[in-house]
Amino acid sequence: MAAMPTLNAQQASPNQNTTTQQTSKPKARPTQAFPQPRVQPTQATPANNNPGQIKGITDNPGHRKAGDNNPGHRKPANDNRDNYAEAVRRYRHERHDHDWWKQHYVVIVLVGGGYYYQDSGYWYPAWGYDPNYERYDYDGPIYTYGNLLPDQVIVNVQNALKALGYYAGDVNGSLGVNTRNALTAYQQDYGLDPTGVVDEATVRALGLI
């Protein structure tokens, strides 16, 4: 079950201002009893989960300036390359038994034909956790959000790519060759790093978060 975070921004009413004067200091200026917070919420609008309205979404939702819908901006792609490279670096592509995995990672799940462990917002194959379940269509990091399992994330990505005309295969939650090819084509068209995998910038650009 996906747990969609909500953001409730509370601000002081502009009518709730009080003016204080100090007789000993004539230079005193009026003050507000409820000053505005110094740090504003970074995402005050709900996430856009309609893949039919994707092309107007920039790949960095933190920048919502008017007219900033040009996917040619390359800086988010570079930032994503660094983020994905870090995810690859953290990948423990080595075999360990059940006890070792349990000692090192809290979240380990069985999805399809293999076990995955979660680390820093990505799912990774847990090689050796159970030798009877080691079938992976993609051997690498898969970005996750909203407490979704890797196959659930991939289903959402496949649906979004299908709605945009990039993917014509089955919506099966498998990051197979056809899905990766569709991802690569989408990433190239939208100025993202063409990794062909589910990374954070691609999920954001698709409007899934």
C-alpha atoms as a PDB file:
ATOM      1  CA  MET A   1       0.000   0.000   0.000  1.00  0.00           C
ATOM      2  CA  ALA A   2       1.449   3.349  -1.006  1.00  0.00           C
ATOM      3  CA  ALA A   3       1.584   5.941   1.703  1.00  0.00           C
ATOM      4  CA  MET A   4       1.291   9.297  -0.036  1.00  0.00           C
ATOM      5  CA  PRO A   5       2.825  12.045   2.090  1.00  0.00           C
ATOM      6  CA  THR A   6       0.803  15.211   2.562  1.00  0.00           C
ATOM      7  CA  LEU A   7       1.999  18.688   3.324  1.00  0.00           C
ATOM      8  CA  ASN A   8       0.052  21.071   5.532  1.00  0.00           C
ATOM      9  CA  ALA A   9       1.525  24.543   5.437  1.00  0.00           C
ATOM     10  CA  GLN A  10       0.372  26.820   8.234  1.00  0.00           C
ATOM     11  CA  GLN A  11       0.999  30.538   7.953  1.00  0.00           C
ATOM     12  CA  ALA A  12       0.069  33.391  10.222  1.00  0.00           C
ATOM     13  CA  SER A  13      -2.880  35.467   9.075  1.00  0.00           C
ATOM     14  CA  PRO A  14      -1.844  38.910   7.814  1.00  0.00           C
ATOM     15  CA  ASN A  15      -4.570  40.388  10.046  1.00  0.00           C
ATOM     16  CA  GLN A  16      -2.896  39.066  13.174  1.00  0.00           C
ATOM     17  CA  ASN A  17      -0.336  41.880  13.441  1.00  0.00           C
ATOM     18  CA  THR A  18       0.110  43.959  16.562  1.00  0.00           C
ATOM     19  CA  THR A  19       1.976  47.235  16.820  1.00  0.00           C
ATOM     20  CA  THR A  20       4.089  48.005  19.869  1.00  0.00           C
ATOM     21  CA  GLN A  21       5.718  51.334  20.665  1.00  0.00           C
ATOM     22  CA  GLN A  22       8.388  52.080  23.194  1.00  0.00           C
ATOM     23  CA  THR A  23       8.314  55.611  24.581  1.00  0.00           C
ATOM     24  CA  SER A  24      11.980  55.596  25.520  1.00  0.00           C
ATOM     25  CA  LYS A  25      13.099  54.745  21.991  1.00  0.00           C
ATOM     26  CA  PRO A  26      11.333  56.837  19.346  1.00  0.00           C
ATOM     27  CA  LYS A  27      13.063  54.893  16.555  1.00  0.00           C
ATOM     28  CA  ALA A  28      11.222  51.680  17.371  1.00  0.00           C
ATOM     29  CA  ARG A  29       9.328  50.284  14.410  1.00  0.00           C
ATOM     30  CA  PRO A  30       6.102  48.253  14.403  1.00  0.00           C
ATOM     31  CA  THR A  31       6.676  44.524  14.821  1.00  0.00           C
ATOM     32  CA  GLN A  32       4.622  41.488  13.907  1.00  0.00           C
ATOM     33  CA  ALA A  33       3.486  39.138  16.598  1.00  0.00           C
ATOM     34  CA  PHE A  34       3.514  36.240  14.160  1.00  0.00           C
ATOM     35  CA  PRO A  35       6.533  36.599  11.832  1.00  0.00           C
ATOM     36  CA  GLN A  36       6.554  34.615   8.632  1.00  0.00           C
ATOM     37  CA  PRO A  37       8.612  31.400   8.806  1.00  0.00           C
ATOM     38  CA  ARG A  38      12.090  31.748   7.357  1.00  0.00           C
ATOM     39  CA  VAL A  39      11.906  28.402   5.599  1.00  0.00           C
ATOM     40  CA  GLN A  40       8.949  27.999   3.272  1.00  0.00           C
ATOM     41  CA  PRO A  41       7.568  24.569   2.264  1.00  0.00           C
ATOM     42  CA  THR A  42       9.379  23.291  -0.799  1.00  0.00           C
ATOM     43  CA  GLN A  43       6.362  21.589  -2.337  1.00  0.00           C
ATOM     44  CA  ALA A  44       3.088  23.305  -1.609  1.00  0.00           C
ATOM     45  CA  THR A  45       1.181  21.775  -4.498  1.00  0.00           C
ATOM     46  CA  PRO A  46      -0.039  18.174  -4.703  1.00  0.00           C
ATOM     47  CA  ALA A  47       1.921  15.732  -6.836  1.00  0.00           C
ATOM     48  CA  ASN A  48       0.828  15.451 -10.435  1.00  0.00           C
ATOM     49  CA  ASN A  49      -0.081  11.830 -11.023  1.00  0.00           C
ATOM     50  CA  ASN A  50      -1.712  12.346 -14.405  1.00  0.00           C
ATOM     51  CA  PRO A  51       0.696  10.986 -17.027  1.00  0.00           C
ATOM     52  CA  GLY A  52      -1.400  12.636 -19.715  1.00  0.00           C
ATOM     53  CA  GLN A  53      -0.083  16.018 -18.605  1.00  0.00           C
ATOM     54  CA  ILE A  54       3.564  15.131 -18.380  1.00  0.00           C
ATOM     55  CA  LYS A  55       5.166  17.156 -21.141  1.00  0.00           C
ATOM     56  CA  GLY A  56       4.821  20.436 -19.256  1.00  0.00           C
ATOM     57  CA  ILE A  57       6.625  19.159 -16.182  1.00  0.00           C
ATOM     58  CA  THR A  58      10.233  20.085 -15.659  1.00  0.00           C
ATOM     59  CA  ASP A  59      12.533  17.373 -14.365  1.00  0.00           C
ATOM     60  CA  ASN A  60      13.224  19.383 -11.215  1.00  0.00           C
ATOM     61  CA  PRO A  61       9.920  20.125  -9.441  1.00  0.00           C
ATOM     62  CA  GLY A  62      11.672  22.415  -7.008  1.00  0.00           C
ATOM     63  CA  HIS A  63      11.850  25.073  -9.748  1.00  0.00           C
ATOM     64  CA  ARG A  64       8.369  26.133 -10.881  1.00  0.00           C
ATOM     65  CA  LYS A  65       9.163  29.449 -12.570  1.00  0.00           C
ATOM     66  CA  ALA A  66       6.790  30.529 -15.303  1.00  0.00           C
ATOM     67  CA  GLY A  67       7.920  29.218 -18.646  1.00  0.00           C
ATOM     68  CA  ASP A  68      10.394  26.806 -17.091  1.00  0.00           C
ATOM     69  CA  ASN A  69       8.942  23.794 -18.866  1.00  0.00           C
ATOM     70  CA  ASN A  70      11.796  23.285 -21.267  1.00  0.00           C
ATOM     71  CA  PRO A  71      13.151  19.742 -20.861  1.00  0.00           C
ATOM     72  CA  GLY A  72      16.389  20.962 -22.414  1.00  0.00           C
ATOM     73  CA  HIS A  73      17.678  22.067 -19.012  1.00  0.00           C
ATOM     74  CA  ARG A  74      20.633  19.776 -18.354  1.00  0.00           C
ATOM     75  CA  LYS A  75      21.541  20.560 -14.753  1.00  0.00           C
ATOM     76  CA  PRO A  76      18.944  18.221 -13.169  1.00  0.00           C
ATOM     77  CA  ALA A  77      20.211  15.434 -15.441  1.00  0.00           C
ATOM     78  CA  ASN A  78      23.746  16.000 -14.196  1.00  0.00           C
ATOM     79  CA  ASP A  79      22.552  15.991 -10.604  1.00  0.00           C
ATOM     80  CA  ASN A  80      20.677  12.785 -11.318  1.00  0.00           C
ATOM     81  CA  ARG A  81      23.785  11.210 -12.814  1.00  0.00           C
ATOM     82  CA  ASP A  82      25.597  11.857  -9.547  1.00  0.00           C
ATOM     83  CA  ASN A  83      22.680  10.493  -7.521  1.00  0.00           C
ATOM     84  CA  TYR A  84      22.380   7.355  -9.623  1.00  0.00           C
ATOM     85  CA  ALA A  85      26.146   6.844  -9.566  1.00  0.00           C
ATOM     86  CA  GLU A  86      25.961   6.948  -5.779  1.00  0.00           C
ATOM     87  CA  ALA A  87      23.161   4.375  -5.842  1.00  0.00           C
ATOM     88  CA  VAL A  88      25.296   2.098  -8.013  1.00  0.00           C
ATOM     89  CA  ARG A  89      28.237   2.578  -5.668  1.00  0.00           C
ATOM     90  CA  ARG A  90      26.107   1.532  -2.687  1.00  0.00           C
ATOM     91  CA  TYR A  91      24.931  -1.643  -4.420  1.00  0.00           C
ATOM     92  CA  ARG A  92      26.229  -4.740  -2.628  1.00  0.00           C
ATOM     93  CA  HIS A  93      26.521  -6.970  -5.666  1.00  0.00           C
ATOM     94  CA  GLU A  94      27.812  -9.870  -3.635  1.00  0.00           C
ATOM     95  CA  ARG A  95      26.353 -13.032  -2.170  1.00  0.00           C
ATOM     96  CA  HIS A  96      25.519 -13.262   1.519  1.00  0.00           C
ATOM     97  CA  ASP A  97      23.387 -15.636   3.515  1.00  0.00           C
ATOM     98  CA  HIS A  98      20.050 -14.898   5.124  1.00  0.00           C
ATOM     99  CA  ASP A  99      21.528 -13.941   8.498  1.00  0.00           C
ATOM    100  CA  TRP A 100      24.026 -11.484   7.020  1.00  0.00           C
ATOM    101  CA  TRP A 101      21.333  -9.616   5.115  1.00  0.00           C
ATOM    102  CA  LYS A 102      19.115  -9.437   8.204  1.00  0.00           C
ATOM    103  CA  GLN A 103      21.975  -7.994  10.234  1.00  0.00           C
ATOM    104  CA  HIS A 104      22.732  -5.260   7.694  1.00  0.00           C
ATOM    105  CA  TYR A 105      19.338  -4.214   6.284  1.00  0.00           C
ATOM    106  CA  VAL A 106      15.955  -3.723   7.899  1.00  0.00           C
ATOM    107  CA  VAL A 107      13.733  -3.979   4.806  1.00  0.00           C
ATOM    108  CA  ILE A 108      14.070  -7.119   2.667  1.00  0.00           C
ATOM    109  CA  VAL A 109      11.140  -8.264   0.525  1.00  0.00           C
ATOM    110  CA  LEU A 110      10.296 -11.041  -1.904  1.00  0.00           C
ATOM    111  CA  VAL A 111       9.055  -9.640  -5.211  1.00  0.00           C
ATOM    112  CA  GLY A 112       8.387 -11.931  -8.139  1.00  0.00           C
ATOM    113  CA  GLY A 113      11.279 -14.346  -8.326  1.00  0.00           C
ATOM    114  CA  GLY A 114      13.776 -12.628  -6.081  1.00  0.00           C
ATOM    115  CA  TYR A 115      14.489 -10.887  -2.802  1.00  0.00           C
ATOM    116  CA  TYR A 116      15.298  -7.181  -2.685  1.00  0.00           C
ATOM    117  CA  TYR A 117      16.777  -5.007   0.023  1.00  0.00           C
ATOM    118  CA  GLN A 118      16.126  -1.284   0.391  1.00  0.00           C
ATOM    119  CA  ASP A 119      18.853   1.277   0.924  1.00  0.00           C
ATOM    120  CA  SER A 120      18.717   5.090   0.600  1.00  0.00           C
ATOM    121  CA  GLY A 121      15.605   5.192  -1.574  1.00  0.00           C
ATOM    122  CA  TYR A 122      16.546   2.357  -3.952  1.00  0.00           C
ATOM    123  CA  TRP A 123      15.753  -1.340  -4.179  1.00  0.00           C
ATOM    124  CA  TYR A 124      18.598  -3.782  -4.908  1.00  0.00           C
ATOM    125  CA  PRO A 125      18.705  -7.559  -5.501  1.00  0.00           C
ATOM    126  CA  ALA A 126      19.702  -9.382  -2.300  1.00  0.00           C
ATOM    127  CA  TRP A 127      21.940 -12.058  -3.749  1.00  0.00           C
ATOM    128  CA  GLY A 128      22.219 -15.175  -1.611  1.00  0.00           C
ATOM    129  CA  TYR A 129      19.354 -14.314   0.732  1.00  0.00           C
ATOM    130  CA  ASP A 130      17.502 -17.357  -0.606  1.00  0.00           C
ATOM    131  CA  PRO A 131      19.168 -19.321  -3.436  1.00  0.00           C
ATOM    132  CA  ASN A 132      15.726 -20.575  -4.526  1.00  0.00           C
ATOM    133  CA  TYR A 133      14.601 -17.024  -5.347  1.00  0.00           C
ATOM    134  CA  GLU A 134      17.196 -15.283  -7.464  1.00  0.00           C
ATOM    135  CA  ARG A 135      15.464 -14.379 -10.709  1.00  0.00           C
ATOM    136  CA  TYR A 136      15.859 -10.715 -11.619  1.00  0.00           C
ATOM    137  CA  ASP A 137      14.961  -9.089 -14.920  1.00  0.00           C
ATOM    138  CA  TYR A 138      17.266  -6.215 -14.058  1.00  0.00           C
ATOM    139  CA  ASP A 139      20.340  -6.489 -11.862  1.00  0.00           C
ATOM    140  CA  GLY A 140      20.718  -2.979 -10.510  1.00  0.00           C
ATOM    141  CA  PRO A 141      19.204  -0.161  -8.433  1.00  0.00           C
ATOM    142  CA  ILE A 142      15.508   0.692  -8.814  1.00  0.00           C
ATOM    143  CA  TYR A 143      14.342   3.995  -7.341  1.00  0.00           C
ATOM    144  CA  THR A 144      11.329   3.806  -5.028  1.00  0.00           C
ATOM    145  CA  TYR A 145       8.898   6.290  -3.487  1.00  0.00           C
ATOM    146  CA  GLY A 146       5.810   6.189  -1.281  1.00  0.00           C
ATOM    147  CA  ASN A 147       6.757   2.826   0.267  1.00  0.00           C
ATOM    148  CA  LEU A 148       6.154   1.051  -3.047  1.00  0.00           C
ATOM    149  CA  LEU A 149       7.736  -2.287  -3.870  1.00  0.00           C
ATOM    150  CA  PRO A 150       9.994  -2.411  -6.947  1.00  0.00           C
ATOM    151  CA  ASP A 151       7.388  -4.063  -9.170  1.00  0.00           C
ATOM    152  CA  GLN A 152       4.781  -1.481  -8.145  1.00  0.00           C
ATOM    153  CA  VAL A 153       7.127   1.356  -9.098  1.00  0.00           C
ATOM    154  CA  ILE A 154       7.813  -0.283 -12.448  1.00  0.00           C
ATOM    155  CA  VAL A 155       4.070  -0.724 -13.122  1.00  0.00           C
ATOM    156  CA  ASN A 156       3.566   3.002 -12.567  1.00  0.00           C
ATOM    157  CA  VAL A 157       6.492   3.817 -14.849  1.00  0.00           C
ATOM    158  CA  GLN A 158       5.198   1.471 -17.553  1.00  0.00           C
ATOM    159  CA  ASN A 159       1.719   3.028 -17.399  1.00  0.00           C
ATOM    160  CA  ALA A 160       3.155   6.533 -17.678  1.00  0.00           C
ATOM    161  CA  LEU A 161       5.407   5.580 -20.594  1.00  0.00           C
ATOM    162  CA  LYS A 162       2.509   3.835 -22.329  1.00  0.00           C
ATOM    163  CA  ALA A 163       0.300   6.916 -21.962  1.00  0.00           C
ATOM    164  CA  LEU A 164       3.044   8.981 -23.620  1.00  0.00           C
ATOM    165  CA  GLY A 165       3.500   6.501 -26.467  1.00  0.00           C
ATOM    166  CA  TYR A 166       6.957   5.274 -25.461  1.00  0.00           C
ATOM    167  CA  TYR A 167       5.976   1.792 -24.301  1.00  0.00           C
ATOM    168  CA  ALA A 168       3.710  -0.708 -26.018  1.00  0.00           C
ATOM    169  CA  GLY A 169       4.410  -3.872 -24.028  1.00  0.00           C
ATOM    170  CA  ASP A 170       2.650  -5.531 -21.129  1.00  0.00           C
ATOM    171  CA  VAL A 171       2.274  -3.654 -17.860  1.00  0.00           C
ATOM    172  CA  ASN A 172       3.786  -6.405 -15.742  1.00  0.00           C
ATOM    173  CA  GLY A 173       6.099  -4.742 -13.224  1.00  0.00           C
ATOM    174  CA  SER A 174       9.155  -6.197 -14.915  1.00  0.00           C
ATOM    175  CA  LEU A 175      12.103  -4.001 -15.847  1.00  0.00           C
ATOM    176  CA  GLY A 176      12.826  -6.046 -18.949  1.00  0.00           C
ATOM    177  CA  VAL A 177      14.544  -5.041 -22.182  1.00  0.00           C
ATOM    178  CA  ASN A 178      11.458  -3.408 -23.744  1.00  0.00           C
ATOM    179  CA  THR A 179      10.794  -1.290 -20.670  1.00  0.00           C
ATOM    180  CA  ARG A 180      14.432  -0.213 -20.448  1.00  0.00           C
ATOM    181  CA  ASN A 181      14.439   0.734 -24.146  1.00  0.00           C
ATOM    182  CA  ALA A 182      11.310   2.831 -23.608  1.00  0.00           C
ATOM    183  CA  LEU A 183      12.922   4.487 -20.599  1.00  0.00           C
ATOM    184  CA  THR A 184      16.041   5.322 -22.593  1.00  0.00           C
ATOM    185  CA  ALA A 185      14.002   6.913 -25.383  1.00  0.00           C
ATOM    186  CA  TYR A 186      11.972   8.969 -22.910  1.00  0.00           C
ATOM    187  CA  GLN A 187      15.073  10.086 -21.005  1.00  0.00           C
ATOM    188  CA  GLN A 188      16.789  11.197 -24.200  1.00  0.00           C
ATOM    189  CA  ASP A 189      13.759  13.202 -25.332  1.00  0.00           C
ATOM    190  CA  TYR A 190      13.396  14.921 -21.963  1.00  0.00           C
ATOM    191  CA  GLY A 191      17.031  15.814 -21.441  1.00  0.00           C
ATOM    192  CA  LEU A 192      17.628  13.238 -18.716  1.00  0.00           C
ATOM    193  CA  ASP A 193      20.655  11.007 -18.374  1.00  0.00           C
ATOM    194  CA  PRO A 194      19.757   8.025 -20.647  1.00  0.00           C
ATOM    195  CA  THR A 195      20.399   5.241 -18.156  1.00  0.00           C
ATOM    196  CA  GLY A 196      17.449   3.120 -19.242  1.00  0.00           C
ATOM    197  CA  VAL A 197      16.598   2.468 -15.603  1.00  0.00           C
ATOM    198  CA  VAL A 198      14.176   3.779 -12.999  1.00  0.00           C
ATOM    199  CA  ASP A 199      16.003   6.614 -11.248  1.00  0.00           C
ATOM    200  CA  GLU A 200      14.717   9.552  -9.231  1.00  0.00           C
ATOM    201  CA  ALA A 201      14.846  12.197 -11.967  1.00  0.00           C
ATOM    202  CA  THR A 202      12.882   9.983 -14.367  1.00  0.00           C
ATOM    203  CA  VAL A 203      10.203   9.237 -11.786  1.00  0.00           C
ATOM    204  CA  ARG A 204       9.849  12.962 -11.111  1.00  0.00           C
ATOM    205  CA  ALA A 205       9.749  13.880 -14.792  1.00  0.00           C
ATOM    206  CA  LEU A 206       6.961  11.328 -15.334  1.00  0.00           C
ATOM    207  CA  GLY A 207       4.935  13.105 -12.657  1.00  0.00           C
ATOM    208  CA  LEU A 208       4.795  10.112 -10.334  1.00  0.00           C
ATOM    209  CA  ILE A 209       6.060  12.146  -7.365  1.00  0.00           C
END
